[in-house]
Amino acid sequence: MVGTRLRTHASPASFNNEVGLPMTLLGAEPGVEVVVAEMGARREGTSDCSATWRGPTSVVVTNVGIGAP
């Protein structure tokens, strides 16, 4: 587990949208080495702008599906 070796910050709940992700990042204390965050994507392009804030060094895709048009 990352949290046993590094100073880690994670979202307090399912803050996985355009508002919650910045709240998670801004809530990290100085000196945090790793932020564990989740980003949901309700439509195409949702995650494009979020990835430019501070390029992630690791990404895991847990589910890919086709949504309603």
C-alpha atoms as a PDB file:
ATOM      1  CA  MET A   1       0.000   0.000   0.000  1.00  0.00           C
ATOM      2  CA  VAL A   2       1.229   3.444  -0.927  1.00  0.00           C
ATOM      3  CA  GLY A   3      -0.047   4.981   2.306  1.00  0.00           C
ATOM      4  CA  THR A   4       2.311   2.921   4.430  1.00  0.00           C
ATOM      5  CA  ARG A   5       5.426   4.244   2.651  1.00  0.00           C
ATOM      6  CA  LEU A   6       4.554   7.770   1.479  1.00  0.00           C
ATOM      7  CA  ARG A   7       2.585  10.765   2.749  1.00  0.00           C
ATOM      8  CA  THR A   8      -0.746  10.210   1.037  1.00  0.00           C
ATOM      9  CA  HIS A   9      -3.992  12.145   0.597  1.00  0.00           C
ATOM     10  CA  ALA A  10      -7.257  10.709  -0.746  1.00  0.00           C
ATOM     11  CA  SER A  11     -10.740  12.072  -1.312  1.00  0.00           C
ATOM     12  CA  PRO A  12     -12.954  11.791   1.778  1.00  0.00           C
ATOM     13  CA  ALA A  13     -15.840  10.325  -0.242  1.00  0.00           C
ATOM     14  CA  SER A  14     -16.804   9.745  -3.855  1.00  0.00           C
ATOM     15  CA  PHE A  15     -15.658  13.183  -5.040  1.00  0.00           C
ATOM     16  CA  ASN A  16     -15.321  12.034  -8.634  1.00  0.00           C
ATOM     17  CA  ASN A  17     -16.724  14.909 -10.686  1.00  0.00           C
ATOM     18  CA  GLU A  18     -15.577  18.295 -12.008  1.00  0.00           C
ATOM     19  CA  VAL A  19     -16.137  19.892  -8.587  1.00  0.00           C
ATOM     20  CA  GLY A  20     -15.054  17.079  -6.272  1.00  0.00           C
ATOM     21  CA  LEU A  21     -11.712  16.350  -7.917  1.00  0.00           C
ATOM     22  CA  PRO A  22     -10.391  19.929  -7.464  1.00  0.00           C
ATOM     23  CA  MET A  23     -11.684  19.857  -3.856  1.00  0.00           C
ATOM     24  CA  THR A  24      -9.671  16.687  -3.261  1.00  0.00           C
ATOM     25  CA  LEU A  25      -6.519  18.200  -4.761  1.00  0.00           C
ATOM     26  CA  LEU A  26      -6.895  21.471  -2.832  1.00  0.00           C
ATOM     27  CA  GLY A  27      -7.423  19.535   0.400  1.00  0.00           C
ATOM     28  CA  ALA A  28      -3.968  17.962   0.280  1.00  0.00           C
ATOM     29  CA  GLU A  29      -1.659  19.204   3.027  1.00  0.00           C
ATOM     30  CA  PRO A  30       1.803  20.554   2.180  1.00  0.00           C
ATOM     31  CA  GLY A  31       4.305  17.733   1.955  1.00  0.00           C
ATOM     32  CA  VAL A  32       1.879  15.161   0.556  1.00  0.00           C
ATOM     33  CA  GLU A  33       3.724  12.921  -1.893  1.00  0.00           C
ATOM     34  CA  VAL A  34       0.817  11.001  -3.427  1.00  0.00           C
ATOM     35  CA  VAL A  35      -2.805  11.962  -4.073  1.00  0.00           C
ATOM     36  CA  VAL A  36      -5.250   9.145  -4.719  1.00  0.00           C
ATOM     37  CA  ALA A  37      -8.209  10.553  -6.620  1.00  0.00           C
ATOM     38  CA  GLU A  38     -11.020   9.312  -8.814  1.00  0.00           C
ATOM     39  CA  MET A  39     -12.445  11.014 -11.887  1.00  0.00           C
ATOM     40  CA  GLY A  40     -15.760   9.974 -13.336  1.00  0.00           C
ATOM     41  CA  ALA A  41     -16.579  10.751 -16.945  1.00  0.00           C
ATOM     42  CA  ARG A  42     -20.257  11.151 -17.759  1.00  0.00           C
ATOM     43  CA  ARG A  43     -19.648  12.130 -21.362  1.00  0.00           C
ATOM     44  CA  GLU A  44     -16.878  12.215 -23.937  1.00  0.00           C
ATOM     45  CA  GLY A  45     -14.223  14.810 -23.143  1.00  0.00           C
ATOM     46  CA  THR A  46     -15.056  15.159 -19.427  1.00  0.00           C
ATOM     47  CA  SER A  47     -11.657  13.949 -18.274  1.00  0.00           C
ATOM     48  CA  ASP A  48      -9.664  15.798 -20.968  1.00  0.00           C
ATOM     49  CA  CYS A  49      -9.438  19.139 -19.148  1.00  0.00           C
ATOM     50  CA  SER A  50      -8.881  17.535 -15.732  1.00  0.00           C
ATOM     51  CA  ALA A  51      -5.780  15.696 -16.900  1.00  0.00           C
ATOM     52  CA  THR A  52      -4.105  18.984 -17.827  1.00  0.00           C
ATOM     53  CA  TRP A  53      -4.197  20.425 -14.283  1.00  0.00           C
ATOM     54  CA  ARG A  54      -1.255  18.359 -13.155  1.00  0.00           C
ATOM     55  CA  GLY A  55      -0.551  15.449 -15.424  1.00  0.00           C
ATOM     56  CA  PRO A  56      -1.114  12.204 -13.565  1.00  0.00           C
ATOM     57  CA  THR A  57       1.839   9.838 -13.374  1.00  0.00           C
ATOM     58  CA  SER A  58      -0.373   6.750 -13.074  1.00  0.00           C
ATOM     59  CA  VAL A  59      -3.876   6.051 -14.332  1.00  0.00           C
ATOM     60  CA  VAL A  60      -6.147   3.043 -13.845  1.00  0.00           C
ATOM     61  CA  VAL A  61      -9.309   2.644 -15.928  1.00  0.00           C
ATOM     62  CA  THR A  62     -11.772   0.533 -13.971  1.00  0.00           C
ATOM     63  CA  ASN A  63     -14.837   0.595 -16.214  1.00  0.00           C
ATOM     64  CA  VAL A  64     -15.560   1.577 -19.770  1.00  0.00           C
ATOM     65  CA  GLY A  65     -19.104   1.521 -21.093  1.00  0.00           C
ATOM     66  CA  ILE A  66     -21.381   3.113 -23.613  1.00  0.00           C
ATOM     67  CA  GLY A  67     -23.676   5.726 -22.176  1.00  0.00           C
ATOM     68  CA  ALA A  68     -26.910   7.138 -23.445  1.00  0.00           C
ATOM     69  CA  PRO A  69     -26.595   9.562 -26.386  1.00  0.00           C
END
